[in-house]
Amino acid sequence: MSFAGEHTRKVVLQKRMVAQDPDSGQKTEQWGQDRSLYAEFWDRHARQGQADGQIITIQDTRCKVRYMPQLDRAVDNQAEVNNRIIDGDVVWHITSIVPEGRRKYQLMTLERKDDN
């Protein structure tokens, strides 16, 4: 599926999977590819913060994709999104998903932390 016009950036949607080791009982988190999709991005702003005593840069952006019902269900009871977007080498963590336009598309707020 491809878009004419605004949805011209091909990205990969990944889904969080939690597996439990049968021997140790420890849970491990892995990310697996869910699907490829086309999106439109708007850069918003960047800010600086601190994490573990280091100064990091946090970049926020917005993204619009065609409506996918499974993304409405991607937020679990702890309000944690179980998907992320990969755009080339950049990993965007989804912080919110809002359906718009009578289920024509979804707006996502994305966040990237640069802690190098």
N, C-alpha and C. Protein backbone atom coordinates (compact mmCIF):
# COMPACT_ATOMS: atom_id res chain seq x y z
N MET A 1 0.86 -1.17 0.00
CA MET A 1 0.00 0.00 0.00
C MET A 1 0.90 1.23 0.00
N SER A 2 0.62 2.17 -0.86
CA SER A 2 1.37 3.42 -0.84
C SER A 2 0.40 4.58 -0.89
N PHE A 3 0.87 5.74 -0.51
CA PHE A 3 0.05 6.93 -0.45
C PHE A 3 0.52 7.92 -1.49
N ALA A 4 -0.39 8.67 -2.01
CA ALA A 4 -0.02 9.84 -2.81
C ALA A 4 -0.13 11.04 -1.89
N GLY A 5 0.78 11.96 -2.00
CA GLY A 5 0.69 13.17 -1.20
C GLY A 5 1.45 13.08 0.10
N GLU A 6 0.76 13.35 1.20
CA GLU A 6 1.43 13.61 2.47
C GLU A 6 2.04 12.38 3.15
N HIS A 7 1.48 11.21 3.01
CA HIS A 7 2.00 10.01 3.69
C HIS A 7 3.08 9.37 2.83
N THR A 8 4.26 9.94 2.82
CA THR A 8 5.29 9.47 1.91
C THR A 8 6.50 8.86 2.61
N ARG A 9 6.52 8.84 3.92
CA ARG A 9 7.66 8.32 4.66
C ARG A 9 7.36 6.89 5.10
N LYS A 10 8.15 5.94 4.61
CA LYS A 10 7.92 4.55 4.98
C LYS A 10 8.65 4.25 6.29
N VAL A 11 7.91 3.75 7.27
CA VAL A 11 8.46 3.45 8.59
C VAL A 11 8.06 2.02 8.96
N VAL A 12 8.64 1.53 10.04
CA VAL A 12 8.34 0.19 10.53
C VAL A 12 7.69 0.32 11.90
N LEU A 13 6.57 -0.34 12.08
CA LEU A 13 5.90 -0.39 13.38
C LEU A 13 6.37 -1.66 14.08
N GLN A 14 6.90 -1.51 15.29
CA GLN A 14 7.34 -2.66 16.07
C GLN A 14 6.45 -2.84 17.28
N LYS A 15 6.32 -4.08 17.72
CA LYS A 15 5.48 -4.42 18.86
C LYS A 15 6.34 -5.02 19.97
N ARG A 16 6.03 -4.61 21.21
CA ARG A 16 6.75 -5.14 22.38
C ARG A 16 6.24 -6.54 22.69
N MET A 17 7.19 -7.44 22.91
CA MET A 17 6.83 -8.81 23.31
C MET A 17 7.61 -9.14 24.57
N VAL A 18 6.91 -9.70 25.53
CA VAL A 18 7.55 -10.09 26.78
C VAL A 18 7.54 -11.61 26.85
N ALA A 19 8.72 -12.17 27.01
CA ALA A 19 8.85 -13.63 27.11
C ALA A 19 9.40 -13.98 28.49
N GLN A 20 8.99 -15.14 28.98
CA GLN A 20 9.47 -15.59 30.29
C GLN A 20 10.35 -16.82 30.09
N ASP A 21 11.54 -16.76 30.66
CA ASP A 21 12.48 -17.88 30.58
C ASP A 21 11.93 -19.02 31.43
N PRO A 22 11.73 -20.21 30.86
CA PRO A 22 11.15 -21.31 31.65
C PRO A 22 12.07 -21.79 32.77
N ASP A 23 13.39 -21.63 32.62
CA ASP A 23 14.31 -22.10 33.64
C ASP A 23 14.43 -21.13 34.81
N SER A 24 14.70 -19.85 34.49
CA SER A 24 14.93 -18.88 35.56
C SER A 24 13.66 -18.14 35.97
N GLY A 25 12.65 -18.12 35.10
CA GLY A 25 11.42 -17.39 35.41
C GLY A 25 11.54 -15.90 35.17
N GLN A 26 12.67 -15.45 34.65
CA GLN A 26 12.87 -14.03 34.38
C GLN A 26 12.14 -13.63 33.11
N LYS A 27 11.57 -12.41 33.14
CA LYS A 27 10.90 -11.88 31.96
C LYS A 27 11.89 -11.03 31.16
N THR A 28 11.87 -11.22 29.85
CA THR A 28 12.71 -10.42 28.97
C THR A 28 11.82 -9.71 27.96
N GLU A 29 12.21 -8.49 27.64
CA GLU A 29 11.45 -7.67 26.69
C GLU A 29 12.18 -7.67 25.36
N GLN A 30 11.42 -7.91 24.28
CA GLN A 30 11.98 -7.89 22.94
C GLN A 30 11.03 -7.10 22.04
N TRP A 31 11.59 -6.56 20.95
CA TRP A 31 10.79 -5.83 19.98
C TRP A 31 10.80 -6.61 18.67
N GLY A 32 9.62 -6.85 18.11
CA GLY A 32 9.50 -7.54 16.84
C GLY A 32 8.76 -6.69 15.83
N GLN A 33 9.09 -6.88 14.55
CA GLN A 33 8.44 -6.09 13.50
C GLN A 33 6.99 -6.50 13.37
N ASP A 34 6.10 -5.50 13.43
CA ASP A 34 4.67 -5.73 13.27
C ASP A 34 4.27 -5.53 11.81
N ARG A 35 4.64 -4.39 11.23
CA ARG A 35 4.32 -4.09 9.83
C ARG A 35 5.05 -2.84 9.37
N SER A 36 5.09 -2.66 8.04
CA SER A 36 5.59 -1.43 7.45
C SER A 36 4.39 -0.56 7.12
N LEU A 37 4.55 0.75 7.25
CA LEU A 37 3.46 1.66 6.92
C LEU A 37 4.01 2.99 6.47
N TYR A 38 3.15 3.79 5.89
CA TYR A 38 3.53 5.12 5.41
C TYR A 38 2.98 6.17 6.37
N ALA A 39 3.79 7.20 6.62
CA ALA A 39 3.42 8.19 7.62
C ALA A 39 3.80 9.60 7.16
N GLU A 40 3.22 10.56 7.85
CA GLU A 40 3.57 11.97 7.69
C GLU A 40 4.08 12.46 9.04
N PHE A 41 5.21 13.16 9.05
CA PHE A 41 5.82 13.63 10.30
C PHE A 41 5.82 15.15 10.38
N TRP A 42 5.68 15.67 11.61
CA TRP A 42 5.85 17.10 11.91
C TRP A 42 6.80 17.18 13.09
N ASP A 43 7.90 17.90 12.93
CA ASP A 43 8.80 18.13 14.06
C ASP A 43 8.18 19.17 14.97
N ARG A 44 8.27 18.94 16.25
CA ARG A 44 7.70 19.88 17.21
C ARG A 44 8.79 20.65 17.91
N HIS A 45 9.48 20.04 18.85
CA HIS A 45 10.51 20.75 19.59
C HIS A 45 11.44 19.76 20.29
N ALA A 46 12.52 20.28 20.80
CA ALA A 46 13.46 19.48 21.57
C ALA A 46 13.67 20.16 22.92
N ARG A 47 13.97 19.37 23.91
CA ARG A 47 14.24 19.91 25.23
C ARG A 47 15.34 19.08 25.89
N GLN A 48 15.93 19.63 26.93
CA GLN A 48 16.96 18.90 27.65
C GLN A 48 16.43 18.49 29.01
N GLY A 49 16.91 17.36 29.47
CA GLY A 49 16.52 16.86 30.77
C GLY A 49 17.66 16.08 31.38
N GLN A 50 17.43 15.52 32.54
CA GLN A 50 18.45 14.72 33.20
C GLN A 50 17.91 13.34 33.47
N ALA A 51 18.76 12.35 33.25
CA ALA A 51 18.44 10.97 33.57
C ALA A 51 19.71 10.31 34.09
N ASP A 52 19.64 9.76 35.26
CA ASP A 52 20.78 9.09 35.89
C ASP A 52 22.01 10.00 35.94
N GLY A 53 21.80 11.28 36.23
CA GLY A 53 22.88 12.22 36.37
C GLY A 53 23.48 12.73 35.07
N GLN A 54 22.93 12.31 33.94
CA GLN A 54 23.43 12.77 32.64
C GLN A 54 22.41 13.69 32.01
N ILE A 55 22.90 14.68 31.25
CA ILE A 55 22.01 15.56 30.51
C ILE A 55 21.68 14.89 29.19
N ILE A 56 20.40 14.78 28.89
CA ILE A 56 19.96 14.15 27.64
C ILE A 56 19.07 15.12 26.86
N THR A 57 19.00 14.92 25.56
CA THR A 57 18.13 15.70 24.71
C THR A 57 16.94 14.83 24.34
N ILE A 58 15.75 15.39 24.50
CA ILE A 58 14.52 14.68 24.17
C ILE A 58 13.84 15.43 23.04
N GLN A 59 13.62 14.75 21.93
CA GLN A 59 12.99 15.37 20.78
C GLN A 59 11.57 14.83 20.65
N ASP A 60 10.61 15.73 20.50
CA ASP A 60 9.22 15.36 20.32
C ASP A 60 8.82 15.59 18.87
N THR A 61 7.95 14.76 18.36
CA THR A 61 7.41 14.95 17.03
C THR A 61 6.01 14.36 16.98
N ARG A 62 5.30 14.66 15.93
CA ARG A 62 3.99 14.06 15.70
C ARG A 62 4.01 13.33 14.38
N CYS A 63 3.15 12.33 14.29
CA CYS A 63 3.11 11.47 13.13
C CYS A 63 1.65 11.14 12.83
N LYS A 64 1.30 11.07 11.55
CA LYS A 64 -0.06 10.69 11.15
C LYS A 64 0.03 9.47 10.26
N VAL A 65 -0.76 8.44 10.56
CA VAL A 65 -0.82 7.21 9.77
C VAL A 65 -2.28 6.86 9.50
N ARG A 66 -2.50 6.01 8.52
CA ARG A 66 -3.85 5.52 8.28
C ARG A 66 -4.34 4.77 9.51
N TYR A 67 -5.66 4.78 9.72
CA TYR A 67 -6.25 4.16 10.90
C TYR A 67 -6.00 2.66 10.92
N MET A 68 -5.55 2.15 12.07
CA MET A 68 -5.37 0.72 12.30
C MET A 68 -6.01 0.38 13.64
N PRO A 69 -7.05 -0.47 13.64
CA PRO A 69 -7.73 -0.78 14.90
C PRO A 69 -6.82 -1.33 15.98
N GLN A 70 -5.79 -2.11 15.61
CA GLN A 70 -4.91 -2.69 16.62
C GLN A 70 -4.12 -1.63 17.37
N LEU A 71 -3.93 -0.44 16.80
CA LEU A 71 -3.24 0.62 17.54
C LEU A 71 -4.13 1.23 18.61
N ASP A 72 -5.44 1.20 18.42
CA ASP A 72 -6.34 1.65 19.49
C ASP A 72 -6.21 0.75 20.71
N ARG A 73 -5.92 -0.51 20.47
CA ARG A 73 -5.77 -1.47 21.56
C ARG A 73 -4.33 -1.62 22.01
N ALA A 74 -3.43 -0.79 21.47
CA ALA A 74 -2.00 -0.90 21.80
C ALA A 74 -1.67 -0.35 23.17
N VAL A 75 -2.59 0.37 23.78
CA VAL A 75 -2.35 0.95 25.10
C VAL A 75 -2.97 0.03 26.14
N ASP A 76 -2.13 -0.50 27.04
CA ASP A 76 -2.66 -1.42 28.05
C ASP A 76 -3.18 -0.66 29.27
N ASN A 77 -3.52 -1.38 30.32
CA ASN A 77 -4.13 -0.77 31.50
C ASN A 77 -3.23 0.23 32.21
N GLN A 78 -1.93 0.11 32.05
CA GLN A 78 -1.01 1.05 32.70
C GLN A 78 -0.75 2.27 31.83
N ALA A 79 -1.52 2.46 30.78
CA ALA A 79 -1.36 3.59 29.85
C ALA A 79 0.02 3.58 29.22
N GLU A 80 0.54 2.39 28.98
CA GLU A 80 1.85 2.25 28.35
C GLU A 80 1.65 1.73 26.94
N VAL A 81 2.22 2.40 25.98
CA VAL A 81 2.06 1.99 24.60
C VAL A 81 3.02 0.85 24.29
N ASN A 82 2.51 -0.20 23.67
CA ASN A 82 3.30 -1.39 23.40
C ASN A 82 3.83 -1.44 21.97
N ASN A 83 3.91 -0.30 21.33
CA ASN A 83 4.45 -0.20 19.98
C ASN A 83 5.45 0.94 19.92
N ARG A 84 6.31 0.89 18.89
CA ARG A 84 7.22 1.99 18.61
C ARG A 84 7.41 2.06 17.09
N ILE A 85 7.94 3.19 16.63
CA ILE A 85 8.13 3.45 15.21
C ILE A 85 9.64 3.50 14.94
N ILE A 86 10.07 2.81 13.89
CA ILE A 86 11.45 2.87 13.45
C ILE A 86 11.46 3.62 12.12
N ASP A 87 12.18 4.74 12.08
CA ASP A 87 12.29 5.57 10.89
C ASP A 87 13.77 5.62 10.50
N GLY A 88 14.18 4.73 9.62
CA GLY A 88 15.59 4.61 9.28
C GLY A 88 16.36 4.06 10.47
N ASP A 89 17.29 4.86 11.02
CA ASP A 89 18.05 4.46 12.21
C ASP A 89 17.48 5.04 13.49
N VAL A 90 16.40 5.78 13.38
CA VAL A 90 15.82 6.49 14.53
C VAL A 90 14.69 5.67 15.15
N VAL A 91 14.75 5.49 16.46
CA VAL A 91 13.70 4.79 17.21
C VAL A 91 12.82 5.83 17.89
N TRP A 92 11.54 5.86 17.54
CA TRP A 92 10.58 6.78 18.14
C TRP A 92 9.67 5.99 19.07
N HIS A 93 9.60 6.38 20.33
CA HIS A 93 8.69 5.76 21.29
C HIS A 93 7.36 6.50 21.23
N ILE A 94 6.28 5.76 21.09
CA ILE A 94 4.95 6.35 20.99
C ILE A 94 4.47 6.71 22.39
N THR A 95 4.12 7.98 22.60
CA THR A 95 3.63 8.40 23.91
C THR A 95 2.12 8.57 23.94
N SER A 96 1.49 8.76 22.77
CA SER A 96 0.03 8.81 22.73
C SER A 96 -0.46 8.51 21.32
N ILE A 97 -1.68 7.97 21.25
CA ILE A 97 -2.32 7.64 19.98
C ILE A 97 -3.74 8.17 20.04
N VAL A 98 -4.12 9.00 19.06
CA VAL A 98 -5.45 9.59 19.04
C VAL A 98 -6.09 9.33 17.67
N PRO A 99 -7.21 8.58 17.62
CA PRO A 99 -7.89 8.41 16.33
C PRO A 99 -8.56 9.71 15.90
N GLU A 100 -8.46 10.03 14.61
CA GLU A 100 -9.02 11.27 14.08
C GLU A 100 -9.77 11.00 12.79
N GLY A 101 -10.61 11.93 12.42
CA GLY A 101 -11.26 11.89 11.11
C GLY A 101 -12.15 10.69 10.88
N ARG A 102 -13.01 10.36 11.84
CA ARG A 102 -13.94 9.24 11.73
C ARG A 102 -13.22 7.95 11.34
N ARG A 103 -12.15 7.68 12.08
CA ARG A 103 -11.33 6.49 11.89
C ARG A 103 -10.66 6.45 10.52
N LYS A 104 -10.31 7.61 9.99
CA LYS A 104 -9.55 7.67 8.74
C LYS A 104 -8.05 7.58 9.02
N TYR A 105 -7.61 8.20 10.12
CA TYR A 105 -6.20 8.18 10.44
C TYR A 105 -6.01 8.31 11.95
N GLN A 106 -4.77 8.15 12.39
CA GLN A 106 -4.42 8.27 13.80
C GLN A 106 -3.24 9.22 13.93
N LEU A 107 -3.33 10.09 14.92
CA LEU A 107 -2.22 10.98 15.26
C LEU A 107 -1.46 10.38 16.43
N MET A 108 -0.15 10.34 16.29
CA MET A 108 0.69 9.80 17.36
C MET A 108 1.67 10.87 17.81
N THR A 109 1.89 10.96 19.09
CA THR A 109 2.95 11.79 19.63
C THR A 109 4.11 10.85 19.89
N LEU A 110 5.28 11.21 19.36
CA LEU A 110 6.46 10.37 19.45
C LEU A 110 7.57 11.09 20.21
N GLU A 111 8.45 10.30 20.81
CA GLU A 111 9.54 10.87 21.58
C GLU A 111 10.82 10.07 21.32
N ARG A 112 11.92 10.79 21.17
CA ARG A 112 13.23 10.17 20.98
C ARG A 112 14.19 10.78 21.98
N LYS A 113 14.91 9.92 22.68
CA LYS A 113 15.88 10.40 23.67
C LYS A 113 17.28 10.15 23.14
N ASP A 114 18.07 11.21 23.12
CA ASP A 114 19.46 11.12 22.69
C ASP A 114 20.32 11.22 23.93
N ASP A 115 20.76 10.09 24.45
CA ASP A 115 21.53 10.10 25.69
C ASP A 115 23.01 9.78 25.46
N ASN A 116 23.49 10.11 24.26
CA ASN A 116 24.91 9.90 23.98
C ASN A 116 25.73 11.09 24.44
